Amino acid sequence: MREEPKKAKIGFLLLGGILVAAIALLFFGWLAEEVLEADTQRFDTLLRTAIHRLASPPITSVMELISLLGSVGVLVALSLLTISLFYYLHRPRAATLLATTMAGVAVLDLVLKDAFHRVRPLAFFGTSPSSYSFPSGHALASLCFYGALAAILSARIAGRQARLCIWTIAVLLVAMIGFSRVYLGVHYPSDVIAGYCAAIVWVAAVGFLDRILRRQPNKKRNV
């Protein structure tokens, strides 16, 4: 009797995830077109200016630290550490999910940046990276890593409050990383939004594929 409501709930969540991913994909396509036509310039400039008015040395130090949490070096190190830990705890599927997610992030970041060739804005602090600006790699990678990690952990924790705490931390961290990139002036706001949209689509695709593979018969489900 309990199996049917559980399957219905999983189906509902899966349908909801597909819907969110579809909306994110459509929004990314629209935003990319607007960026190519320079129609986001006013929005980007207004928001960058407003955020820059908040600048102060203490806030800048905090933003630089937060931004570091979404950098390539830190996320690669955290990914390798987490994947190794999952294997050590005999959770190969969780390790594979995270590895697949982050490998896809690397490919997406290179392909999308090279496809749009958007030049970086003038940084408010320090110098801008040499890579292209659209979409934000920090936003893309941080949402994929911290979001996927939150999903994996919350799926293995029974307490509702604990799951809520995990997701709250992940959402706030990802949001602050994106904000830090605009605050530091190394990205336009539209870059960050596009990075989030691309990440949502990719995480949903990986999750959907994992769900299909789990339904395959005669598979040992060691998660």
Protein backbone atom coordinates (compact mmCIF):
# COMPACT_ATOMS: atom_id res chain seq x y z
CA MET A 1 0.00 0.00 0.00
CA ARG A 2 2.85 2.37 0.72
CA GLU A 3 4.66 1.57 -2.52
CA GLU A 4 2.08 3.25 -4.78
CA PRO A 5 2.13 6.67 -3.02
CA LYS A 6 5.94 6.54 -3.04
CA LYS A 7 6.03 5.84 -6.77
CA ALA A 8 3.49 8.61 -7.37
CA LYS A 9 5.63 11.06 -5.38
CA ILE A 10 8.77 10.10 -7.31
CA GLY A 11 6.91 10.47 -10.59
CA PHE A 12 5.60 13.88 -9.57
CA LEU A 13 9.07 15.06 -8.57
CA LEU A 14 10.53 13.75 -11.81
CA LEU A 15 7.88 15.53 -13.85
CA GLY A 16 8.50 18.71 -11.88
CA GLY A 17 12.23 18.45 -12.50
CA ILE A 18 11.71 18.01 -16.24
CA LEU A 19 9.42 21.04 -16.29
CA VAL A 20 11.94 23.21 -14.42
CA ALA A 21 14.72 22.06 -16.75
CA ALA A 22 12.62 22.86 -19.81
CA ILE A 23 11.89 26.35 -18.50
CA ALA A 24 15.58 26.88 -17.70
CA LEU A 25 16.57 25.74 -21.21
CA LEU A 26 14.06 28.07 -22.86
CA PHE A 27 15.15 30.96 -20.67
CA PHE A 28 18.81 30.27 -21.46
CA GLY A 29 18.03 30.32 -25.18
CA TRP A 30 16.16 33.60 -24.88
CA LEU A 31 18.88 35.17 -22.73
CA ALA A 32 21.62 34.02 -25.11
CA GLU A 33 19.80 35.68 -28.00
CA GLU A 34 19.43 38.89 -26.00
CA VAL A 35 23.13 38.86 -25.15
CA LEU A 36 24.13 38.34 -28.79
CA GLU A 37 21.97 41.32 -29.74
CA ALA A 38 23.38 43.41 -26.83
CA ASP A 39 19.86 43.87 -25.44
CA THR A 40 20.95 43.02 -21.88
CA GLN A 41 23.45 45.87 -21.71
CA ARG A 42 21.15 48.27 -19.87
CA PHE A 43 20.07 45.63 -17.35
CA ASP A 44 23.66 44.49 -16.78
CA THR A 45 24.99 48.02 -16.36
CA LEU A 46 22.26 49.12 -13.95
CA LEU A 47 22.67 46.05 -11.74
CA ARG A 48 26.47 46.16 -11.81
CA THR A 49 26.42 49.82 -10.82
CA ALA A 50 23.92 49.24 -8.01
CA ILE A 51 25.93 46.35 -6.58
CA HIS A 52 29.20 48.24 -6.88
CA ARG A 53 27.78 51.00 -4.67
CA LEU A 54 27.80 48.47 -1.82
CA ALA A 55 31.56 48.01 -2.10
CA SER A 56 33.82 48.34 0.92
CA PRO A 57 37.16 46.73 1.83
CA PRO A 58 35.65 44.26 4.35
CA ILE A 59 32.90 43.20 1.94
CA THR A 60 35.41 42.84 -0.88
CA SER A 61 37.53 40.48 1.22
CA VAL A 62 34.46 38.35 1.98
CA MET A 63 33.38 38.32 -1.68
CA GLU A 64 36.84 37.23 -2.81
CA LEU A 65 36.72 34.34 -0.35
CA ILE A 66 33.23 33.31 -1.43
CA SER A 67 34.20 33.54 -5.09
CA LEU A 68 37.11 31.21 -4.38
CA LEU A 69 34.62 28.51 -3.33
CA GLY A 70 33.37 28.43 -6.92
CA SER A 71 36.78 28.47 -8.58
CA VAL A 72 38.09 25.64 -10.75
CA GLY A 73 40.88 24.69 -8.35
CA VAL A 74 38.67 24.48 -5.28
CA LEU A 75 35.81 22.63 -7.01
CA VAL A 76 38.17 20.12 -8.64
CA ALA A 77 39.78 19.43 -5.26
CA LEU A 78 36.41 19.13 -3.51
CA SER A 79 35.04 16.92 -6.28
CA LEU A 80 37.99 14.51 -6.14
CA LEU A 81 37.82 14.40 -2.35
CA THR A 82 34.07 13.79 -2.30
CA ILE A 83 34.18 11.16 -5.04
CA SER A 84 36.98 9.34 -3.22
CA LEU A 85 35.00 9.48 0.01
CA PHE A 86 31.91 8.02 -1.68
CA TYR A 87 33.96 5.12 -3.02
CA TYR A 88 35.51 4.59 0.39
CA LEU A 89 32.01 4.44 1.90
CA HIS A 90 30.97 1.93 -0.80
CA ARG A 91 28.67 4.37 -2.58
CA PRO A 92 29.82 3.93 -6.20
CA ARG A 93 26.61 5.26 -7.75
CA ALA A 94 26.84 8.51 -5.81
CA ALA A 95 30.50 8.81 -6.84
CA THR A 96 29.63 8.16 -10.49
CA LEU A 97 26.81 10.70 -10.42
CA LEU A 98 29.05 13.42 -9.06
CA ALA A 99 31.92 12.54 -11.41
CA THR A 100 29.60 12.58 -14.43
CA THR A 101 28.08 15.88 -13.36
CA MET A 102 31.41 17.65 -12.93
CA ALA A 103 32.93 16.19 -16.11
CA GLY A 104 29.96 17.56 -18.01
CA VAL A 105 30.45 20.95 -16.37
CA ALA A 106 33.98 21.19 -17.74
CA VAL A 107 32.78 20.41 -21.27
CA LEU A 108 29.78 22.74 -21.07
CA ASP A 109 31.84 25.64 -19.79
CA LEU A 110 34.37 25.37 -22.61
CA VAL A 111 31.78 24.83 -25.36
CA LEU A 112 29.39 27.59 -24.29
CA LYS A 113 32.07 30.21 -23.66
CA ASP A 114 33.66 29.47 -27.02
CA ALA A 115 30.26 29.58 -28.74
CA PHE A 116 29.32 33.07 -27.55
CA HIS A 117 32.73 34.79 -27.29
CA ARG A 118 31.43 37.46 -24.92
CA VAL A 119 34.21 39.73 -23.72
CA ARG A 120 34.57 40.17 -19.96
CA PRO A 121 33.52 43.44 -18.33
CA LEU A 122 36.13 45.65 -16.72
CA ALA A 123 36.77 44.20 -13.26
CA PHE A 124 36.08 46.41 -10.25
CA PHE A 125 38.86 44.75 -8.25
CA GLY A 126 42.02 43.24 -9.69
CA THR A 127 42.05 42.02 -13.29
CA SER A 128 39.48 40.09 -15.27
CA PRO A 129 40.21 36.45 -16.21
CA SER A 130 41.35 35.87 -19.77
CA SER A 131 38.46 33.51 -20.59
CA TYR A 132 35.17 34.58 -22.14
CA SER A 133 32.36 35.84 -19.95
CA PHE A 134 29.14 34.07 -21.02
CA PRO A 135 27.99 32.05 -19.18
CA SER A 136 29.61 32.32 -15.75
CA GLY A 137 31.69 29.22 -15.10
CA HIS A 138 31.55 29.87 -11.36
CA ALA A 139 27.74 29.94 -11.41
CA LEU A 140 27.54 26.85 -13.62
CA ALA A 141 30.05 24.76 -11.69
CA SER A 142 28.98 25.80 -8.18
CA LEU A 143 25.31 25.02 -8.79
CA CYS A 144 26.21 21.66 -10.32
CA PHE A 145 28.61 20.65 -7.54
CA TYR A 146 26.86 21.98 -4.45
CA GLY A 147 23.42 21.23 -5.89
CA ALA A 148 24.31 17.66 -6.84
CA LEU A 149 26.00 17.12 -3.47
CA ALA A 150 22.93 18.44 -1.65
CA ALA A 151 20.68 16.12 -3.67
CA ILE A 152 22.87 13.09 -2.96
CA LEU A 153 23.12 13.83 0.78
CA SER A 154 19.47 14.75 1.30
CA ALA A 155 18.36 11.55 -0.45
CA ARG A 156 20.22 9.58 2.22
CA ILE A 157 19.01 11.53 5.27
CA ALA A 158 15.65 10.76 6.84
CA GLY A 159 15.09 13.94 8.87
CA ARG A 160 13.15 16.69 7.10
CA GLN A 161 14.89 19.46 9.06
CA ALA A 162 18.32 18.05 8.16
CA ARG A 163 17.38 17.95 4.47
CA LEU A 164 16.06 21.50 4.67
CA CYS A 165 19.30 22.63 6.30
CA ILE A 166 21.41 20.98 3.58
CA TRP A 167 19.43 22.58 0.77
CA THR A 168 19.37 25.99 2.48
CA ILE A 169 23.16 25.99 2.81
CA ALA A 170 23.61 24.87 -0.80
CA VAL A 171 21.22 27.48 -2.21
CA LEU A 172 22.71 30.33 -0.18
CA LEU A 173 26.26 29.33 -1.07
CA VAL A 174 25.52 29.08 -4.80
CA ALA A 175 23.63 32.40 -4.75
CA MET A 176 26.47 34.14 -2.92
CA ILE A 177 29.07 32.77 -5.35
CA GLY A 178 27.11 34.20 -8.27
CA PHE A 179 26.65 37.51 -6.45
CA SER A 180 30.37 37.69 -5.70
CA ARG A 181 31.23 37.45 -9.40
CA VAL A 182 29.06 40.48 -10.17
CA TYR A 183 30.32 42.33 -7.09
CA LEU A 184 33.95 41.81 -8.14
CA GLY A 185 33.05 42.99 -11.63
CA VAL A 186 34.35 39.94 -13.49
CA HIS A 187 30.92 38.97 -14.84
CA TYR A 188 27.74 40.60 -16.04
CA PRO A 189 24.57 39.62 -14.13
CA SER A 190 23.24 37.97 -17.30
CA ASP A 191 26.34 35.74 -17.34
CA VAL A 192 25.54 34.48 -13.85
CA ILE A 193 21.86 33.90 -14.64
CA ALA A 194 22.80 31.98 -17.79
CA GLY A 195 25.25 29.87 -15.79
CA TYR A 196 22.52 28.91 -13.37
CA CYS A 197 20.14 28.02 -16.21
CA ALA A 198 22.72 25.82 -17.93
CA ALA A 199 23.49 24.10 -14.62
CA ILE A 200 19.82 23.35 -13.95
CA VAL A 201 19.45 21.75 -17.37
CA TRP A 202 22.59 19.64 -16.96
CA VAL A 203 21.82 18.48 -13.40
CA ALA A 204 18.29 17.56 -14.48
CA ALA A 205 19.65 15.60 -17.46
CA VAL A 206 22.07 13.65 -15.25
CA GLY A 207 19.34 12.99 -12.69
CA PHE A 208 16.92 11.82 -15.38
CA LEU A 209 19.54 9.47 -16.84
CA ASP A 210 20.27 8.09 -13.39
CA ARG A 211 16.57 7.45 -12.83
CA ILE A 212 16.35 5.52 -16.11
CA LEU A 213 19.41 3.41 -15.27
CA ARG A 214 18.02 2.59 -11.83
CA ARG A 215 14.94 1.11 -13.47
CA GLN A 216 17.01 -1.35 -15.46
CA PRO A 217 16.44 -4.93 -14.24
CA ASN A 218 19.11 -7.19 -12.81
CA LYS A 219 21.26 -4.30 -11.70
CA LYS A 220 22.86 -4.22 -8.31
CA ARG A 221 21.77 -0.99 -6.64
CA ASN A 222 24.59 -0.05 -4.37
CA VAL A 223 24.10 3.64 -3.62
